[in-house]
């Protein structure tokens, strides 16, 4: 009885570990997502969703309509 319980416990722990590993792989795939399919914003008020890219450093931020894109630092503010 104790041996069956130990096997079930190990199997459960292994399946949890595998689920966490696959979730971490999905998260890392999402974090490497780039905004390449959005157009680049110009300096100023944004009228449609676009990417505000920094001129002085590597960086970008997704801007939605009604926000202000600062191309100097790549920040999108209201």
N, C-alpha and C. Protein backbone atom coordinates (compact mmCIF):
# COMPACT_ATOMS: atom_id res chain seq x y z
N UNK A 1 0.82 -1.19 0.00
CA UNK A 1 0.00 0.00 0.00
C UNK A 1 0.86 1.25 0.00
N UNK A 2 1.90 1.24 0.84
CA UNK A 2 2.78 2.39 0.94
C UNK A 2 3.56 2.61 -0.36
N UNK A 3 3.91 1.51 -1.03
CA UNK A 3 4.64 1.61 -2.28
C UNK A 3 3.76 2.24 -3.37
N UNK A 4 2.48 1.87 -3.41
CA UNK A 4 1.55 2.44 -4.40
C UNK A 4 1.35 3.94 -4.15
N UNK A 5 1.28 4.32 -2.88
CA UNK A 5 1.13 5.72 -2.53
C UNK A 5 2.36 6.52 -2.94
N UNK A 6 3.54 5.95 -2.72
CA UNK A 6 4.78 6.62 -3.11
C UNK A 6 4.85 6.79 -4.63
N UNK A 7 4.47 5.79 -5.38
CA UNK A 7 4.47 5.86 -6.85
C UNK A 7 3.48 6.92 -7.32
N UNK A 8 2.31 6.97 -6.73
CA UNK A 8 1.31 7.97 -7.11
C UNK A 8 1.80 9.38 -6.79
N UNK A 9 2.45 9.53 -5.65
CA UNK A 9 2.97 10.83 -5.25
C UNK A 9 4.07 11.30 -6.22
N UNK A 10 4.97 10.40 -6.58
CA UNK A 10 6.04 10.75 -7.52
C UNK A 10 5.46 11.10 -8.89
N UNK A 11 4.47 10.35 -9.35
CA UNK A 11 3.85 10.63 -10.64
C UNK A 11 3.16 12.00 -10.64
N UNK A 12 2.51 12.34 -9.54
CA UNK A 12 1.85 13.64 -9.43
C UNK A 12 2.87 14.77 -9.45
N UNK A 13 3.94 14.61 -8.70
CA UNK A 13 4.98 15.64 -8.66
C UNK A 13 5.62 15.81 -10.04
N UNK A 14 5.85 14.71 -10.73
CA UNK A 14 6.46 14.79 -12.07
C UNK A 14 5.52 15.51 -13.04
N UNK A 15 4.22 15.24 -12.97
CA UNK A 15 3.30 15.90 -13.90
C UNK A 15 3.18 17.39 -13.60
N UNK A 16 3.25 17.76 -12.33
CA UNK A 16 3.22 19.18 -11.97
C UNK A 16 4.49 19.87 -12.49
N UNK A 17 5.62 19.23 -12.33
CA UNK A 17 6.88 19.78 -12.82
C UNK A 17 6.86 19.97 -14.33
N UNK A 18 6.27 19.01 -15.04
CA UNK A 18 6.20 19.13 -16.50
C UNK A 18 5.26 20.25 -16.91
N UNK A 19 4.16 20.46 -16.19
CA UNK A 19 3.24 21.54 -16.51
C UNK A 19 3.90 22.89 -16.29
N UNK A 20 4.65 23.02 -15.20
CA UNK A 20 5.34 24.27 -14.92
C UNK A 20 6.39 24.54 -15.98
N UNK A 21 7.10 23.52 -16.41
CA UNK A 21 8.11 23.70 -17.44
C UNK A 21 7.51 24.16 -18.76
N UNK A 22 6.38 23.59 -19.14
CA UNK A 22 5.76 24.00 -20.40
C UNK A 22 5.18 25.41 -20.28
N UNK A 23 4.69 25.77 -19.11
CA UNK A 23 4.18 27.14 -18.91
C UNK A 23 5.33 28.14 -19.00
N UNK A 24 6.47 27.79 -18.45
CA UNK A 24 7.63 28.69 -18.54
C UNK A 24 8.09 28.83 -19.98
N UNK A 25 8.01 27.78 -20.76
CA UNK A 25 8.40 27.85 -22.17
C UNK A 25 7.44 28.78 -22.93
N UNK A 26 6.15 28.70 -22.61
CA UNK A 26 5.18 29.58 -23.28
C UNK A 26 5.43 31.03 -22.89
N UNK A 27 5.75 31.29 -21.63
CA UNK A 27 6.00 32.65 -21.18
C UNK A 27 7.24 33.21 -21.86
N UNK A 28 8.30 32.41 -21.97
CA UNK A 28 9.51 32.92 -22.62
C UNK A 28 9.26 33.16 -24.10
N UNK A 29 8.40 32.37 -24.74
CA UNK A 29 8.08 32.61 -26.14
C UNK A 29 7.31 33.92 -26.28
N UNK A 30 6.43 34.22 -25.33
CA UNK A 30 5.69 35.47 -25.39
C UNK A 30 6.57 36.67 -25.10
N UNK A 31 7.55 36.49 -24.22
CA UNK A 31 8.41 37.62 -23.88
C UNK A 31 9.34 37.98 -25.02
N UNK A 32 9.58 37.05 -25.94
CA UNK A 32 10.43 37.36 -27.08
C UNK A 32 9.61 37.94 -28.24
N UNK A 33 8.32 38.15 -28.01
CA UNK A 33 7.42 38.72 -29.01
C UNK A 33 7.87 40.13 -29.38
N UNK A 34 7.96 40.40 -30.67
CA UNK A 34 8.29 41.74 -31.12
C UNK A 34 7.06 42.37 -31.75
N UNK A 35 7.07 43.66 -31.87
CA UNK A 35 5.93 44.39 -32.43
C UNK A 35 6.15 44.67 -33.91
N UNK A 36 6.77 43.73 -34.62
CA UNK A 36 7.15 43.95 -36.01
C UNK A 36 5.95 44.15 -36.92
N UNK A 37 4.79 43.62 -36.58
CA UNK A 37 3.64 43.73 -37.47
C UNK A 37 2.85 45.03 -37.27
N UNK A 38 3.26 45.89 -36.34
CA UNK A 38 2.63 47.19 -36.14
C UNK A 38 3.49 48.26 -36.81
N UNK A 39 2.86 49.29 -37.35
CA UNK A 39 3.65 50.38 -37.94
C UNK A 39 4.37 51.18 -36.84
N UNK A 40 5.39 51.91 -37.23
CA UNK A 40 6.15 52.73 -36.30
C UNK A 40 5.47 54.09 -36.14
N UNK A 41 5.34 54.54 -34.90
CA UNK A 41 4.73 55.85 -34.62
C UNK A 41 5.72 56.96 -34.94
N UNK A 42 5.17 58.09 -35.27
CA UNK A 42 5.97 59.29 -35.36
C UNK A 42 5.88 60.04 -34.03
N UNK A 43 6.68 61.07 -33.87
CA UNK A 43 6.63 61.88 -32.66
C UNK A 43 5.28 62.57 -32.57
N UNK A 44 4.63 62.49 -31.42
CA UNK A 44 3.38 63.21 -31.22
C UNK A 44 2.20 62.32 -30.89
N UNK A 45 1.01 62.87 -31.07
CA UNK A 45 -0.24 62.19 -30.74
C UNK A 45 -0.48 61.02 -31.69
N UNK A 46 -0.86 59.88 -31.14
CA UNK A 46 -1.06 58.66 -31.91
C UNK A 46 -2.55 58.51 -32.25
N UNK A 47 -2.85 58.23 -33.52
CA UNK A 47 -4.25 58.07 -33.93
C UNK A 47 -4.66 56.61 -34.10
N UNK A 48 -3.69 55.70 -34.21
CA UNK A 48 -3.97 54.26 -34.32
C UNK A 48 -2.84 53.51 -33.61
N UNK A 49 -3.08 52.26 -33.27
CA UNK A 49 -2.08 51.47 -32.56
C UNK A 49 -0.81 51.36 -33.39
N UNK A 50 0.32 51.66 -32.76
CA UNK A 50 1.62 51.61 -33.43
C UNK A 50 2.71 51.42 -32.39
N UNK A 51 3.93 51.26 -32.85
CA UNK A 51 5.06 51.04 -31.96
C UNK A 51 5.89 52.31 -31.87
N UNK A 52 6.09 52.78 -30.65
CA UNK A 52 6.91 53.96 -30.40
C UNK A 52 8.33 53.47 -30.16
N UNK A 53 9.22 53.72 -31.11
CA UNK A 53 10.60 53.24 -31.04
C UNK A 53 11.52 54.36 -30.57
N UNK A 54 12.49 54.01 -29.78
CA UNK A 54 13.45 54.99 -29.24
C UNK A 54 14.55 55.26 -30.26
N UNK A 55 14.90 56.52 -30.39
CA UNK A 55 15.98 56.91 -31.29
C UNK A 55 17.33 56.82 -30.60
N UNK A 56 17.36 56.95 -29.27
CA UNK A 56 18.63 57.04 -28.55
C UNK A 56 19.07 55.73 -27.90
N UNK A 57 18.18 54.77 -27.77
CA UNK A 57 18.53 53.51 -27.12
C UNK A 57 17.66 52.41 -27.69
N UNK A 58 18.06 51.15 -27.55
CA UNK A 58 17.19 50.07 -28.03
C UNK A 58 15.99 49.94 -27.10
N UNK A 59 14.84 50.14 -27.60
CA UNK A 59 13.63 50.04 -26.80
C UNK A 59 12.42 50.40 -27.64
N UNK A 60 11.31 49.88 -27.25
CA UNK A 60 10.07 50.16 -27.96
C UNK A 60 8.90 49.93 -27.03
N UNK A 61 7.80 50.59 -27.32
CA UNK A 61 6.60 50.43 -26.52
C UNK A 61 5.41 50.53 -27.44
N UNK A 62 4.42 49.69 -27.23
CA UNK A 62 3.21 49.70 -28.04
C UNK A 62 2.31 50.84 -27.58
N UNK A 63 1.93 51.71 -28.50
CA UNK A 63 1.07 52.86 -28.20
C UNK A 63 -0.32 52.63 -28.78
N UNK A 64 -1.32 53.03 -28.04
CA UNK A 64 -2.69 52.98 -28.53
C UNK A 64 -3.16 54.39 -28.86
N UNK A 65 -4.25 54.49 -29.57
CA UNK A 65 -4.78 55.78 -29.99
C UNK A 65 -5.04 56.69 -28.79
N UNK A 66 -4.71 57.98 -28.96
CA UNK A 66 -4.94 58.95 -27.91
C UNK A 66 -3.75 59.16 -26.99
N UNK A 67 -2.69 58.39 -27.16
CA UNK A 67 -1.49 58.56 -26.34
C UNK A 67 -0.44 59.34 -27.12
N UNK A 68 0.60 59.78 -26.47
CA UNK A 68 1.64 60.60 -27.07
C UNK A 68 2.94 59.79 -27.15
N UNK A 69 3.50 59.67 -28.34
CA UNK A 69 4.75 58.94 -28.54
C UNK A 69 5.92 59.90 -28.47
N UNK A 70 6.88 59.59 -27.61
CA UNK A 70 8.12 60.36 -27.50
C UNK A 70 9.22 59.51 -28.13
N UNK A 71 9.62 59.84 -29.34
CA UNK A 71 10.61 59.02 -30.05
C UNK A 71 12.01 59.15 -29.47
N UNK A 72 12.25 60.15 -28.66
CA UNK A 72 13.57 60.30 -28.06
C UNK A 72 13.91 59.11 -27.15
N UNK A 73 12.95 58.74 -26.29
CA UNK A 73 13.20 57.61 -25.37
C UNK A 73 12.29 56.41 -25.61
N UNK A 74 11.42 56.46 -26.61
CA UNK A 74 10.55 55.33 -26.93
C UNK A 74 9.41 55.14 -25.96
N UNK A 75 9.04 56.20 -25.23
CA UNK A 75 7.98 56.11 -24.24
C UNK A 75 6.66 56.56 -24.84
N UNK A 76 5.61 55.94 -24.41
CA UNK A 76 4.26 56.27 -24.85
C UNK A 76 3.48 56.73 -23.61
N UNK A 77 3.13 58.01 -23.56
CA UNK A 77 2.49 58.57 -22.37
C UNK A 77 1.15 59.21 -22.73
N UNK A 78 0.37 59.44 -21.72
CA UNK A 78 -0.93 60.12 -21.94
C UNK A 78 -0.82 61.59 -21.74
